């Protein structure tokens, strides 16, 4: 047997023409069922593998998609990819993953690699250092199917799948208020992204709704990292009137906050309550366990692939509307914020046991 079996090898084995074998492999209606059976059995016996690149040239489809994520080290993105790959596989698609490491330059390299591999479409979550979106706009101009997830910018007018960040930010802040915290701070993310703008707006509107005065000194903008959390803790605790609670824009920043506050021997939640956003895997396992807002990551991945598949198959070709799917945020309240004895014993802290019941929360389809 040759190192790599070809269509010609199968044809020689069965005394057929290569054209007949090719048609049989592609389920051509003019090839008999018996010939198709023989070809498929022989192909399997000879360990034949279809040349996907050559096939994509003939059909215009590679049945491969590219996915750009900021980092595989963050469980959030790994969980989204799981949702993408599961549904993609069900539809016969392969997935290529590229980490941008939060760099726009690596994003550009990822796009070049994907186009070289003739992917049918691209899913992406924007890098945090992103300032120039030209490479995504070029994809849009070239009619390459593209969908953004989690991090997005409305002005790009690119289809996206996101969580209701505003509602999540409002919910996180309201929870701190109902726990009796009076001076609530926000560790914000880069405001060039709608994602982080909306979480901050939810924070501010919750304060207004409860007639709590907004103090601009209690907003610290970081770069969504553990180090940013540590730096913000230093900043907040050095204020003449430091906060008694902090809503962190995501969980790694919240983790940095907790680490630094512990170093300063500040008690959590007695002295300062902490809530994050993302519901990362580590949240339940640190001390104190971290309250957070779940982003329905697997569902986000599935919705992102479904939207991309519609674009690939041209279902939206006759419309100019840019679609967005908005998923419901799910709060998980844990030790880092719970200091109200009544709420500690309530259903709010039992949500970790009931994750499955939230999987079918409604999705909102809008066209901005």
Protein backbone atom coordinates (compact mmCIF):
# COMPACT_ATOMS: atom_id res chain seq x y z
CA UNK A 1 0.00 0.00 0.00
CA UNK A 2 1.39 3.45 -0.86
CA UNK A 3 2.12 5.92 1.95
CA UNK A 4 -0.83 8.08 0.88
CA UNK A 5 -3.72 6.42 -0.91
CA UNK A 6 -5.10 8.29 -3.92
CA UNK A 7 -8.26 7.98 -6.00
CA UNK A 8 -6.15 6.33 -8.71
CA UNK A 9 -5.11 3.58 -6.24
CA UNK A 10 -8.75 2.82 -5.49
CA UNK A 11 -9.54 2.82 -9.22
CA UNK A 12 -6.72 0.35 -9.95
CA UNK A 13 -7.87 -1.90 -7.11
CA UNK A 14 -11.41 -2.09 -8.52
CA UNK A 15 -10.55 -1.82 -12.21
CA UNK A 16 -12.52 1.39 -12.51
CA UNK A 17 -11.66 4.80 -13.90
CA UNK A 18 -10.53 7.52 -11.45
CA UNK A 19 -13.50 9.62 -12.61
CA UNK A 20 -15.93 6.87 -11.61
CA UNK A 21 -14.30 6.53 -8.18
CA UNK A 22 -14.45 10.28 -7.66
CA UNK A 23 -18.13 10.39 -8.55
CA UNK A 24 -18.84 7.45 -6.24
CA UNK A 25 -17.06 9.18 -3.34
CA UNK A 26 -19.17 12.29 -3.97
CA UNK A 27 -22.41 10.23 -4.09
CA UNK A 28 -23.11 11.09 -7.73
CA UNK A 29 -26.66 9.95 -8.70
CA UNK A 30 -25.45 8.32 -11.95
CA UNK A 31 -23.23 5.86 -10.05
CA UNK A 32 -24.95 2.62 -8.96
CA UNK A 33 -25.44 1.85 -5.28
CA UNK A 34 -23.29 -1.31 -5.64
CA UNK A 35 -20.36 0.62 -7.15
CA UNK A 36 -20.61 3.23 -4.40
CA UNK A 37 -20.54 0.48 -1.80
CA UNK A 38 -17.45 -1.14 -3.31
CA UNK A 39 -15.64 2.21 -3.62
CA UNK A 40 -16.39 3.21 -0.04
CA UNK A 41 -15.35 -0.18 1.35
CA UNK A 42 -12.11 -0.10 -0.65
CA UNK A 43 -11.41 3.49 0.36
CA UNK A 44 -11.79 2.54 4.00
CA UNK A 45 -9.62 -0.58 3.61
CA UNK A 46 -6.86 1.39 1.88
CA UNK A 47 -7.11 4.19 4.49
CA UNK A 48 -8.01 6.80 1.89
CA UNK A 49 -8.27 10.38 3.16
CA UNK A 50 -9.89 13.03 0.99
CA UNK A 51 -7.67 15.99 0.11
CA UNK A 52 -9.69 18.77 1.71
CA UNK A 53 -7.80 21.59 0.00
CA UNK A 54 -8.24 20.05 -3.44
CA UNK A 55 -11.88 19.41 -2.65
CA UNK A 56 -12.35 23.04 -1.59
CA UNK A 57 -10.95 24.21 -4.93
CA UNK A 58 -13.50 22.07 -6.79
CA UNK A 59 -16.53 22.81 -4.60
CA UNK A 60 -15.71 26.25 -3.23
CA UNK A 61 -16.14 24.88 0.32
CA UNK A 62 -13.51 23.54 2.72
CA UNK A 63 -15.98 22.79 5.55
CA UNK A 64 -13.42 24.40 7.85
CA UNK A 65 -13.84 27.53 9.96
CA UNK A 66 -11.27 29.65 11.76
CA UNK A 67 -11.70 30.80 15.37
CA UNK A 68 -9.63 33.61 16.90
CA UNK A 69 -9.57 33.76 20.70
CA UNK A 70 -7.52 36.09 22.91
CA UNK A 71 -6.13 33.23 25.03
CA UNK A 72 -6.69 29.51 25.53
CA UNK A 73 -5.52 29.91 29.13
CA UNK A 74 -8.82 31.60 30.02
CA UNK A 75 -11.50 29.00 30.70
CA UNK A 76 -14.20 31.32 29.33
CA UNK A 77 -12.79 31.12 25.79
CA UNK A 78 -12.12 27.39 26.06
CA UNK A 79 -15.76 26.88 26.99
CA UNK A 80 -16.97 29.01 24.06
CA UNK A 81 -14.75 26.99 21.71
CA UNK A 82 -16.27 23.79 23.11
CA UNK A 83 -19.71 25.07 22.12
CA UNK A 84 -18.44 26.05 18.66
CA UNK A 85 -16.67 22.74 17.97
CA UNK A 86 -19.54 20.57 19.18
CA UNK A 87 -22.08 22.13 16.83
CA UNK A 88 -19.55 22.54 13.99
CA UNK A 89 -18.77 18.83 14.14
CA UNK A 90 -22.47 18.00 13.97
CA UNK A 91 -22.58 19.93 10.67
CA UNK A 92 -19.43 18.32 9.25
CA UNK A 93 -17.13 21.29 9.87
CA UNK A 94 -13.57 21.27 11.16
CA UNK A 95 -12.28 24.06 13.40
CA UNK A 96 -8.91 25.83 13.31
CA UNK A 97 -8.03 27.73 16.52
CA UNK A 98 -5.61 30.67 16.70
CA UNK A 99 -4.68 32.56 19.87
CA UNK A 100 -4.17 36.29 19.42
CA UNK A 101 -2.54 36.67 22.86
CA UNK A 102 -4.46 39.97 22.98
CA UNK A 103 -2.39 41.27 20.02
CA UNK A 104 -3.90 42.82 16.88
CA UNK A 105 -0.75 41.85 14.96
CA UNK A 106 -1.33 38.18 15.80
CA UNK A 107 -4.96 38.61 14.78
CA UNK A 108 -3.77 39.70 11.34
CA UNK A 109 -1.50 36.65 11.12
CA UNK A 110 -4.40 34.44 12.13
CA UNK A 111 -6.56 35.86 9.35
CA UNK A 112 -3.77 35.33 6.81
CA UNK A 113 -3.38 31.72 7.96
CA UNK A 114 -7.12 31.10 7.79
CA UNK A 115 -7.44 32.57 4.31
CA UNK A 116 -4.48 30.44 3.20
CA UNK A 117 -6.32 27.39 4.51
CA UNK A 118 -9.42 28.44 2.54
CA UNK A 119 -11.71 28.54 5.58
CA UNK A 120 -15.40 29.07 4.86
CA UNK A 121 -15.78 31.67 7.61
CA UNK A 122 -14.22 33.16 10.73
CA UNK A 123 -15.37 33.59 14.34
CA UNK A 124 -13.44 36.06 16.50
CA UNK A 125 -13.28 37.74 19.90
CA UNK A 126 -11.37 41.02 19.68
CA UNK A 127 -7.95 41.45 21.32
CA UNK A 128 -7.89 43.88 24.25
CA UNK A 129 -5.08 45.98 22.69
CA UNK A 130 -7.24 46.45 19.59
CA UNK A 131 -7.19 50.00 18.21
CA UNK A 132 -7.23 49.35 14.47
CA UNK A 133 -10.00 47.12 13.12
CA UNK A 134 -8.98 47.42 9.46
CA UNK A 135 -8.23 43.69 9.10
CA UNK A 136 -11.79 42.83 10.11
CA UNK A 137 -13.27 45.50 7.87
CA UNK A 138 -11.25 44.06 4.96
CA UNK A 139 -12.87 40.67 5.59
CA UNK A 140 -16.25 42.35 5.56
CA UNK A 141 -15.51 44.12 2.27
CA UNK A 142 -14.35 40.83 0.75
CA UNK A 143 -17.63 39.17 1.82
CA UNK A 144 -15.81 36.62 4.00
CA UNK A 145 -18.39 35.33 6.52
CA UNK A 146 -17.41 36.81 9.90
CA UNK A 147 -19.06 36.75 13.33
CA UNK A 148 -17.76 38.33 16.54
CA UNK A 149 -18.45 36.88 19.99
CA UNK A 150 -18.17 38.33 23.51
CA UNK A 151 -16.00 41.36 22.67
CA UNK A 152 -17.44 43.54 19.92
CA UNK A 153 -17.74 47.11 18.62
CA UNK A 154 -21.14 48.22 17.33
CA UNK A 155 -19.70 50.67 14.81
CA UNK A 156 -18.09 47.81 12.87
CA UNK A 157 -21.57 46.52 11.92
CA UNK A 158 -20.40 42.92 12.11
CA UNK A 159 -22.80 40.15 13.24
CA UNK A 160 -22.16 39.23 16.88
CA UNK A 161 -23.17 37.01 19.78
CA UNK A 162 -22.89 38.60 23.21
CA UNK A 163 -24.17 38.46 26.75
CA UNK A 164 -26.44 41.24 28.01
CA UNK A 165 -23.49 43.05 29.58
CA UNK A 166 -25.60 45.98 30.75
CA UNK A 167 -28.00 43.70 32.60
CA UNK A 168 -25.08 41.74 34.07
CA UNK A 169 -23.38 44.91 35.33
CA UNK A 170 -26.65 46.17 36.81
CA UNK A 171 -27.33 42.81 38.49
CA UNK A 172 -23.83 42.61 40.01
CA UNK A 173 -24.08 46.13 41.43
CA UNK A 174 -27.63 45.69 42.69
CA UNK A 175 -26.55 42.54 44.52
CA UNK A 176 -23.82 44.49 46.35
CA UNK A 177 -26.35 47.18 47.28
CA UNK A 178 -28.83 44.64 48.67
CA UNK A 179 -26.04 43.12 50.73
CA UNK A 180 -25.69 46.45 52.52
CA UNK A 181 -22.55 47.82 50.86
CA UNK A 182 -22.63 51.61 50.72
CA UNK A 183 -19.53 52.74 48.85
CA UNK A 184 -19.24 50.62 45.71
CA UNK A 185 -16.36 50.86 43.25
CA UNK A 186 -15.95 49.53 39.73
CA UNK A 187 -12.80 48.07 38.19
CA UNK A 188 -13.65 48.77 34.55
CA UNK A 189 -12.29 47.34 31.29
CA UNK A 190 -11.04 49.14 28.15
CA UNK A 191 -13.87 51.45 27.14
CA UNK A 192 -13.27 51.12 23.39
CA UNK A 193 -15.25 47.86 23.60
CA UNK A 194 -19.04 47.94 23.92
CA UNK A 195 -18.73 44.90 26.17
CA UNK A 196 -17.03 46.88 28.93
CA UNK A 197 -18.92 50.11 28.25
CA UNK A 198 -22.19 48.29 28.82
CA UNK A 199 -21.03 46.67 32.07
CA UNK A 200 -19.97 50.07 33.38
CA UNK A 201 -23.28 51.65 32.31
CA UNK A 202 -25.15 48.90 34.18
CA UNK A 203 -23.04 49.68 37.26
CA UNK A 204 -23.78 53.40 37.07
CA UNK A 205 -27.50 52.96 36.43
CA UNK A 206 -27.87 50.60 39.40
CA UNK A 207 -26.31 53.22 41.66
CA UNK A 208 -28.69 55.86 40.28
CA UNK A 209 -31.69 53.57 40.74
CA UNK A 210 -30.85 53.25 44.45
CA UNK A 211 -30.06 56.97 44.87
CA UNK A 212 -26.39 56.36 45.51
CA UNK A 213 -24.20 59.29 44.48
CA UNK A 214 -21.69 58.52 41.74
CA UNK A 215 -18.08 59.17 42.77
CA UNK A 216 -15.76 59.20 39.74
CA UNK A 217 -12.80 58.35 41.99
CA UNK A 218 -14.39 54.93 42.52
CA UNK A 219 -13.97 53.95 38.85
CA UNK A 220 -10.59 52.51 37.88
CA UNK A 221 -9.99 51.41 34.27
CA UNK A 222 -7.68 48.40 33.93
CA UNK A 223 -6.58 46.03 31.19
CA UNK A 224 -8.53 42.92 32.32
CA UNK A 225 -5.74 40.98 34.03
CA UNK A 226 -4.69 39.75 37.47
CA UNK A 227 -2.12 42.55 37.60
CA UNK A 228 -4.80 45.13 36.85
CA UNK A 229 -6.76 43.78 39.80
CA UNK A 230 -3.74 44.20 42.08
CA UNK A 231 -3.05 47.73 40.86
CA UNK A 232 -6.69 48.72 41.33
CA UNK A 233 -6.67 47.34 44.89
CA UNK A 234 -3.65 49.56 45.65
CA UNK A 235 -5.45 52.55 44.15
CA UNK A 236 -8.79 51.99 45.89
CA UNK A 237 -7.31 51.29 49.32
CA UNK A 238 -5.15 54.41 49.20
CA UNK A 239 -8.20 56.65 48.77
CA UNK A 240 -9.05 58.81 51.78
CA UNK A 241 -12.45 57.12 51.79
CA UNK A 242 -11.93 53.65 50.26
CA UNK A 243 -14.80 51.50 48.94
CA UNK A 244 -16.46 48.73 50.89
CA UNK A 245 -17.29 46.74 47.72
CA UNK A 246 -15.88 46.40 44.19
CA UNK A 247 -17.49 45.15 41.01
CA UNK A 248 -14.68 43.86 38.77
CA UNK A 249 -15.34 43.78 35.03
CA UNK A 250 -14.11 40.16 34.78
CA UNK A 251 -12.90 37.36 37.03
CA UNK A 252 -9.13 37.54 36.52
CA UNK A 253 -9.20 41.18 37.63
CA UNK A 254 -11.34 40.12 40.59
CA UNK A 255 -8.79 37.42 41.43
CA UNK A 256 -6.03 40.04 41.45
CA UNK A 257 -8.15 42.19 43.76
CA UNK A 258 -8.64 39.33 46.20
CA UNK A 259 -4.94 38.44 46.21
CA UNK A 260 -3.85 42.02 46.94
CA UNK A 261 -6.54 42.65 49.56
CA UNK A 262 -5.45 39.48 51.37
CA UNK A 263 -1.86 40.74 51.33
CA UNK A 264 -3.13 43.92 52.97
CA UNK A 265 -5.01 41.79 55.54
CA UNK A 266 -8.33 43.23 54.43
CA UNK A 267 -11.18 40.81 55.09
CA UNK A 268 -13.49 39.65 52.29
CA UNK A 269 -16.48 40.12 52.43
CA UNK A 270 -16.55 41.70 55.91
CA UNK A 271 -14.42 44.73 54.97
CA UNK A 272 -14.72 44.68 51.18
CA UNK A 273 -17.08 42.65 49.00
CA UNK A 274 -15.88 41.48 45.55
CA UNK A 275 -17.91 40.35 42.54
CA UNK A 276 -16.55 39.50 39.10
CA UNK A 277 -17.92 38.67 35.65
CA UNK A 278 -17.53 35.44 33.58
CA UNK A 279 -17.96 32.69 36.19
CA UNK A 280 -14.53 31.20 35.52
CA UNK A 281 -13.77 27.65 36.66
CA UNK A 282 -11.62 28.82 39.58
CA UNK A 283 -14.38 30.95 41.14
CA UNK A 284 -15.78 28.12 43.26
CA UNK A 285 -12.37 26.91 44.40
CA UNK A 286 -10.63 30.02 45.75
CA UNK A 287 -11.06 31.35 49.29
CA UNK A 288 -13.38 33.09 49.60
CA UNK A 289 -15.30 31.71 46.64
CA UNK A 290 -15.97 34.43 44.09
CA UNK A 291 -19.40 35.80 43.22
CA UNK A 292 -19.71 36.30 39.47
CA UNK A 293 -21.98 36.64 36.43
CA UNK A 294 -22.14 33.62 34.12
CA UNK A 295 -22.03 34.33 30.36
CA UNK A 296 -23.55 31.10 29.00
CA UNK A 297 -20.30 30.29 27.25
CA UNK A 298 -21.22 27.01 25.58
CA UNK A 299 -24.47 28.50 24.31
CA UNK A 300 -22.54 31.54 23.08
CA UNK A 301 -20.29 29.26 21.04
CA UNK A 302 -23.21 27.35 19.57
CA UNK A 303 -25.07 30.53 18.64
CA UNK A 304 -21.92 32.01 17.08
CA UNK A 305 -21.42 28.97 14.86
CA UNK A 306 -25.12 28.88 13.90
CA UNK A 307 -24.95 32.52 12.84
CA UNK A 308 -21.75 31.91 10.86
CA UNK A 309 -23.28 28.87 9.14
CA UNK A 310 -26.22 31.00 7.97
CA UNK A 311 -23.78 33.48 6.46
CA UNK A 312 -21.76 30.70 4.80
CA UNK A 313 -24.86 29.17 3.30
CA UNK A 314 -26.02 32.56 2.07
CA UNK A 315 -29.25 32.65 4.04
CA UNK A 316 -28.70 36.35 4.79
CA UNK A 317 -27.49 37.26 1.29
CA UNK A 318 -30.66 39.16 0.41
CA UNK A 319 -30.74 41.26 3.56
CA UNK A 320 -28.62 44.17 4.70
CA UNK A 321 -29.50 43.83 8.40
CA UNK A 322 -26.67 43.10 10.82
CA UNK A 323 -27.84 40.56 13.37
CA UNK A 324 -26.92 40.32 17.03
CA UNK A 325 -27.84 37.61 19.51
CA UNK A 326 -27.97 38.71 23.14
CA UNK A 327 -27.87 36.02 25.83
CA UNK A 328 -29.17 36.38 29.38
CA UNK A 329 -26.56 36.77 32.17
CA UNK A 330 -26.85 34.37 35.12
CA UNK A 331 -25.72 35.52 38.60
CA UNK A 332 -23.83 33.22 40.96
CA UNK A 333 -23.53 34.70 44.44
CA UNK A 334 -20.82 33.19 46.63
CA UNK A 335 -18.78 33.95 49.76
CA UNK A 336 -16.93 37.02 48.42
CA UNK A 337 -20.08 39.19 48.64
CA UNK A 338 -22.48 37.43 51.00
CA UNK A 339 -22.56 39.11 54.40
CA UNK A 340 -26.31 39.32 54.89
CA UNK A 341 -27.34 36.34 57.02
CA UNK A 342 -30.79 36.11 55.43
CA UNK A 343 -29.43 35.97 51.87
CA UNK A 344 -26.72 33.49 52.86
CA UNK A 345 -29.47 30.97 53.60
CA UNK A 346 -31.60 31.84 50.57
CA UNK A 347 -31.86 30.32 47.11
CA UNK A 348 -29.37 32.88 45.79
CA UNK A 349 -26.40 30.83 46.97
CA UNK A 350 -27.78 27.55 45.71
CA UNK A 351 -27.48 28.49 42.06
CA UNK A 352 -24.26 26.51 41.67
CA UNK A 353 -26.38 23.40 42.18
CA UNK A 354 -28.92 24.46 39.58
CA UNK A 355 -26.83 25.43 36.55
CA UNK A 356 -28.68 23.06 34.25
CA UNK A 357 -32.01 24.82 34.70
CA UNK A 358 -30.58 28.01 33.17
CA UNK A 359 -29.37 26.48 29.92
CA UNK A 360 -32.53 27.35 28.00
CA UNK A 361 -32.82 31.03 28.89
CA UNK A 362 -34.19 32.99 25.96
CA UNK A 363 -31.98 34.57 23.35
CA UNK A 364 -32.88 38.00 22.00
CA UNK A 365 -32.37 38.64 18.30
CA UNK A 366 -32.00 42.30 17.38
CA UNK A 367 -30.85 44.25 14.38
CA UNK A 368 -29.03 47.45 15.42
